[in-house]
N, C-alpha and C. Protein backbone atom coordinates (compact mmCIF):
# COMPACT_ATOMS: atom_id res chain seq x y z
N MET A 1 -12.69 4.82 9.11
CA MET A 1 -13.01 5.47 8.82
C MET A 1 -15.06 4.62 8.98
N GLU A 2 -16.17 5.44 10.12
CA GLU A 2 -17.23 4.62 10.32
C GLU A 2 -18.51 5.87 9.34
N TRP A 3 -18.98 4.81 8.70
CA TRP A 3 -20.56 5.48 8.19
C TRP A 3 -21.58 5.17 8.93
N LYS A 4 -22.54 6.24 9.22
CA LYS A 4 -23.38 6.08 9.96
C LYS A 4 -25.02 5.80 8.77
N LEU A 5 -25.93 5.38 9.16
CA LEU A 5 -26.72 4.50 8.02
C LEU A 5 -27.85 5.12 8.53
N PHE A 6 -28.95 5.45 7.95
CA PHE A 6 -30.38 5.56 8.97
C PHE A 6 -31.38 5.08 7.36
N ALA A 7 -32.27 4.93 8.14
CA ALA A 7 -33.38 4.26 7.50
C ALA A 7 -33.33 3.17 6.92
N ASP A 8 -33.94 2.88 5.35
CA ASP A 8 -33.90 1.64 4.95
C ASP A 8 -32.75 1.31 4.06
N LEU A 9 -31.47 2.33 4.60
CA LEU A 9 -30.15 2.38 4.19
C LEU A 9 -29.59 1.67 5.30
N ALA A 10 -29.52 1.38 6.38
CA ALA A 10 -29.32 0.43 7.55
C ALA A 10 -29.74 -0.63 7.36
N GLU A 11 -31.17 -0.94 6.92
CA GLU A 11 -31.70 -2.38 6.80
C GLU A 11 -30.75 -2.96 5.54
N ALA A 12 -30.60 -2.16 4.66
CA ALA A 12 -29.90 -3.00 3.54
C ALA A 12 -28.50 -3.42 3.86
N ALA A 13 -27.95 -2.62 4.38
CA ALA A 13 -26.53 -2.82 5.11
C ALA A 13 -26.27 -4.20 6.23
N ASP A 14 -27.85 -3.93 6.77
CA ASP A 14 -27.52 -4.98 7.80
C ASP A 14 -27.35 -4.25 9.01
N GLY A 15 -27.42 -3.54 9.52
CA GLY A 15 -26.43 -2.24 10.65
C GLY A 15 -26.44 -0.82 10.31
N ARG A 16 -26.79 0.00 11.45
CA ARG A 16 -26.67 1.51 11.77
C ARG A 16 -24.95 1.94 11.55
N ARG A 17 -24.06 1.27 11.48
CA ARG A 17 -23.02 2.05 11.23
C ARG A 17 -21.88 0.47 10.62
N VAL A 18 -21.05 1.15 9.64
CA VAL A 18 -20.24 0.34 9.00
C VAL A 18 -18.91 0.83 8.73
N THR A 19 -17.98 -0.04 9.32
CA THR A 19 -16.41 0.55 9.30
C THR A 19 -16.17 0.18 7.91
N VAL A 20 -14.96 1.17 7.37
CA VAL A 20 -14.23 0.78 5.94
C VAL A 20 -12.74 1.39 6.32
N GLU A 21 -12.43 1.00 5.45
CA GLU A 21 -10.79 1.09 5.80
C GLU A 21 -10.74 2.08 4.16
N VAL A 22 -9.60 3.21 4.17
CA VAL A 22 -9.13 4.15 3.30
C VAL A 22 -7.99 5.21 3.46
N ASP A 23 -7.51 5.23 2.44
CA ASP A 23 -6.00 5.32 3.05
C ASP A 23 -5.92 6.86 3.05
N GLY A 24 -4.70 7.54 3.53
CA GLY A 24 -4.81 9.11 3.71
C GLY A 24 -5.13 9.80 2.37
N GLY A 25 -5.08 10.88 2.52
CA GLY A 25 -5.81 11.80 1.55
C GLY A 25 -7.03 11.24 1.05
N ALA A 26 -7.67 10.22 1.37
CA ALA A 26 -9.23 9.95 0.76
C ALA A 26 -10.08 10.84 0.74
N THR A 27 -11.15 10.43 0.02
CA THR A 27 -12.00 11.61 -0.26
C THR A 27 -13.49 10.83 0.38
N VAL A 28 -14.37 12.01 0.16
CA VAL A 28 -16.27 11.24 0.43
C VAL A 28 -16.28 9.91 -0.35
N GLY A 29 -15.88 10.15 -1.45
CA GLY A 29 -16.28 9.70 -2.77
C GLY A 29 -15.41 8.28 -2.46
N ASP A 30 -14.40 8.13 -2.44
CA ASP A 30 -13.29 7.19 -1.89
C ASP A 30 -14.06 6.08 -0.78
N ALA A 31 -14.57 7.13 0.37
CA ALA A 31 -15.37 6.23 1.28
C ALA A 31 -16.26 5.41 1.21
N LEU A 32 -17.04 6.53 0.12
CA LEU A 32 -18.64 5.95 -0.22
C LEU A 32 -17.76 4.26 -1.28
N ASP A 33 -17.27 4.82 -1.91
CA ASP A 33 -16.94 3.57 -2.57
C ASP A 33 -16.48 2.41 -2.02
N ALA A 34 -15.70 2.78 -0.78
CA ALA A 34 -15.34 1.34 0.40
C ALA A 34 -16.69 0.91 0.53
N LEU A 35 -17.90 1.72 1.23
CA LEU A 35 -18.72 1.62 1.90
C LEU A 35 -19.35 0.40 1.02
N LEU A 36 -19.39 0.79 -0.38
CA LEU A 36 -20.59 -0.08 -1.40
C LEU A 36 -19.98 -1.11 -1.99
N GLU A 37 -18.42 -1.67 -1.40
CA GLU A 37 -17.81 -2.79 -1.49
C GLU A 37 -17.83 -3.44 -0.73
N ALA A 38 -18.03 -3.06 0.95
CA ALA A 38 -18.33 -3.84 1.81
C ALA A 38 -19.86 -4.23 2.15
N ARG A 39 -20.50 -3.79 1.25
CA ARG A 39 -22.08 -3.60 1.65
C ARG A 39 -22.79 -3.42 0.82
N PRO A 40 -22.43 -4.11 -0.67
CA PRO A 40 -23.14 -4.27 -2.23
C PRO A 40 -24.77 -3.95 -2.59
N ALA A 41 -25.36 -4.37 -1.47
CA ALA A 41 -26.85 -4.41 -1.17
C ALA A 41 -27.16 -3.09 -1.15
N LEU A 42 -26.35 -1.79 -0.87
CA LEU A 42 -26.55 -0.49 -0.92
C LEU A 42 -26.53 0.50 -2.20
N ALA A 43 -25.94 -0.64 -2.70
CA ALA A 43 -25.32 -0.04 -4.22
C ALA A 43 -26.85 0.25 -5.01
N ASP A 44 -27.55 -0.23 -5.24
CA ASP A 44 -29.13 0.07 -5.46
C ASP A 44 -29.87 1.02 -5.07
N ARG A 45 -29.81 1.42 -3.87
CA ARG A 45 -30.69 2.29 -3.50
C ARG A 45 -29.38 3.74 -3.42
N VAL A 46 -28.33 4.13 -3.33
CA VAL A 46 -27.83 5.09 -3.70
C VAL A 46 -27.26 5.40 -4.43
N LEU A 47 -27.35 4.29 -5.86
CA LEU A 47 -26.46 5.18 -6.85
C LEU A 47 -27.83 4.44 -8.11
N ASP A 48 -27.55 5.24 -9.46
CA ASP A 48 -28.59 5.46 -10.13
C ASP A 48 -28.27 4.75 -11.27
N ASP A 49 -28.77 4.42 -12.39
CA ASP A 49 -28.45 3.54 -13.43
C ASP A 49 -27.18 3.60 -14.12
N GLU A 50 -26.46 4.86 -13.76
CA GLU A 50 -25.13 5.47 -15.04
C GLU A 50 -23.84 5.25 -13.80
N GLY A 51 -24.40 4.62 -12.19
CA GLY A 51 -23.49 4.73 -11.32
C GLY A 51 -22.90 6.08 -10.45
N ASP A 52 -24.45 7.09 -10.81
CA ASP A 52 -24.02 8.02 -10.02
C ASP A 52 -24.82 8.36 -9.02
N LEU A 53 -24.04 9.16 -7.71
CA LEU A 53 -25.02 9.47 -6.51
C LEU A 53 -26.57 9.57 -7.06
N ARG A 54 -27.98 9.03 -6.63
CA ARG A 54 -29.23 9.32 -6.51
C ARG A 54 -29.12 10.66 -5.94
N ASP A 55 -29.70 11.46 -6.79
CA ASP A 55 -30.30 13.10 -6.34
C ASP A 55 -30.60 13.21 -4.85
N HIS A 56 -31.92 12.15 -4.23
CA HIS A 56 -32.40 12.06 -3.01
C HIS A 56 -31.66 11.81 -1.98
N ILE A 57 -30.17 11.36 -2.62
CA ILE A 57 -29.44 10.79 -1.27
C ILE A 57 -29.01 11.68 -0.48
N ASN A 58 -28.77 11.77 0.90
CA ASN A 58 -27.77 12.84 1.71
C ASN A 58 -26.56 12.31 2.27
N VAL A 59 -25.55 12.94 2.19
CA VAL A 59 -24.21 12.59 2.59
C VAL A 59 -23.76 13.93 3.43
N LEU A 60 -23.48 13.12 4.76
CA LEU A 60 -22.67 14.36 5.71
C LEU A 60 -21.18 14.27 5.69
N ARG A 61 -20.98 14.84 6.10
CA ARG A 61 -19.76 14.89 6.89
C ARG A 61 -19.45 15.82 7.94
N ASN A 62 -19.37 14.94 9.43
CA ASN A 62 -19.01 15.99 10.40
C ASN A 62 -20.64 17.29 10.94
N GLY A 63 -21.58 16.43 10.04
CA GLY A 63 -22.37 17.11 10.30
C GLY A 63 -23.38 17.92 9.04
N GLU A 64 -22.59 18.18 8.21
CA GLU A 64 -22.74 19.11 7.21
C GLU A 64 -22.85 18.57 5.89
N ASN A 65 -23.46 18.76 5.06
CA ASN A 65 -23.91 18.05 3.47
C ASN A 65 -22.71 17.92 2.76
N VAL A 66 -22.22 17.42 2.04
CA VAL A 66 -20.65 17.54 1.52
C VAL A 66 -20.78 18.41 0.15
N PHE A 67 -22.08 18.40 -0.53
CA PHE A 67 -22.19 19.03 -1.78
C PHE A 67 -22.36 20.77 -1.07
N THR A 68 -22.41 21.12 -0.03
CA THR A 68 -22.35 22.48 0.36
C THR A 68 -20.88 23.07 -0.16
N ALA A 69 -19.82 22.03 -0.13
CA ALA A 69 -18.33 21.89 -0.02
C ALA A 69 -17.93 21.47 -1.34
N ASP A 70 -17.43 20.11 -1.72
CA ASP A 70 -16.38 19.81 -2.45
C ASP A 70 -17.34 18.63 -3.21
N GLY A 71 -18.12 18.38 -2.45
CA GLY A 71 -19.11 17.39 -3.05
C GLY A 71 -18.71 15.64 -2.32
N LEU A 72 -18.43 14.74 -3.33
CA LEU A 72 -17.96 13.76 -3.09
C LEU A 72 -16.04 13.48 -3.27
N ASP A 73 -15.73 14.80 -3.48
CA ASP A 73 -14.04 15.25 -3.78
C ASP A 73 -13.99 15.32 -2.39
N THR A 74 -14.58 15.73 -1.88
CA THR A 74 -14.17 16.62 -0.09
C THR A 74 -13.26 15.75 0.87
N GLU A 75 -12.48 16.27 0.70
CA GLU A 75 -11.01 15.25 1.82
C GLU A 75 -11.50 15.00 2.95
N LEU A 76 -10.75 13.81 3.21
CA LEU A 76 -11.62 13.53 4.79
C LEU A 76 -10.41 13.47 5.52
N GLU A 77 -10.45 13.76 6.80
CA GLU A 77 -9.51 13.71 7.62
C GLU A 77 -9.82 12.74 8.78
N GLU A 78 -8.70 12.35 9.57
CA GLU A 78 -9.24 11.34 10.70
C GLU A 78 -9.92 11.86 12.01
N GLY A 79 -11.10 11.35 12.07
CA GLY A 79 -11.76 11.30 12.92
C GLY A 79 -13.14 11.79 12.35
N ASP A 80 -13.14 12.17 11.17
CA ASP A 80 -14.35 12.76 10.09
C ASP A 80 -15.62 11.54 10.64
N GLU A 81 -16.68 11.91 10.73
CA GLU A 81 -17.73 10.94 10.67
C GLU A 81 -18.72 11.38 9.74
N LEU A 82 -19.37 9.92 9.16
CA LEU A 82 -19.86 10.06 7.86
C LEU A 82 -21.28 9.66 7.90
N ALA A 83 -22.12 10.02 7.11
CA ALA A 83 -23.41 9.83 7.60
C ALA A 83 -24.25 9.83 6.27
N LEU A 84 -25.18 8.81 6.04
CA LEU A 84 -25.57 8.49 4.93
C LEU A 84 -27.01 8.20 4.86
N PHE A 85 -28.28 9.13 4.81
CA PHE A 85 -29.42 9.07 4.52
C PHE A 85 -30.34 9.31 3.70
N PRO A 86 -31.37 8.49 3.54
CA PRO A 86 -32.42 9.04 2.48
C PRO A 86 -33.12 10.29 3.10
N PRO A 87 -34.06 10.79 2.27
CA PRO A 87 -34.69 11.86 2.75
C PRO A 87 -35.73 11.56 3.24
N VAL A 88 -36.20 12.17 4.27
CA VAL A 88 -36.96 12.03 5.61
C VAL A 88 -38.16 13.04 5.32
N SER A 89 -39.85 12.28 5.38
CA SER A 89 -40.28 13.46 5.54
C SER A 89 -41.47 12.81 6.11
N GLY A 90 -42.48 13.80 6.37
CA GLY A 90 -43.46 13.08 7.27
C GLY A 90 -44.55 14.92 8.17
N GLY A 91 -44.96 14.34 9.02
CA GLY A 91 -45.55 16.22 8.90
C GLY A 91 -46.35 15.87 10.98
């Protein structure tokens, strides 16, 4: 499973793309755990003090925010594209 990372998250992970291994039947949360295990420098940027996903972090599966579905419990399918990025502002 491949994650695409954006902005300061890509800098913290030392790359815009990170491939992680997850078992069949895995969820987005499982893939996120694998990402943070592979790139521990991301943990402080995406998790709060309780270990929960920070409110301002966006998680997408195939271009759609996972929180419009089952959140981190959203089941993955082969070929899914995952993305993680902080909010973007500007004008």
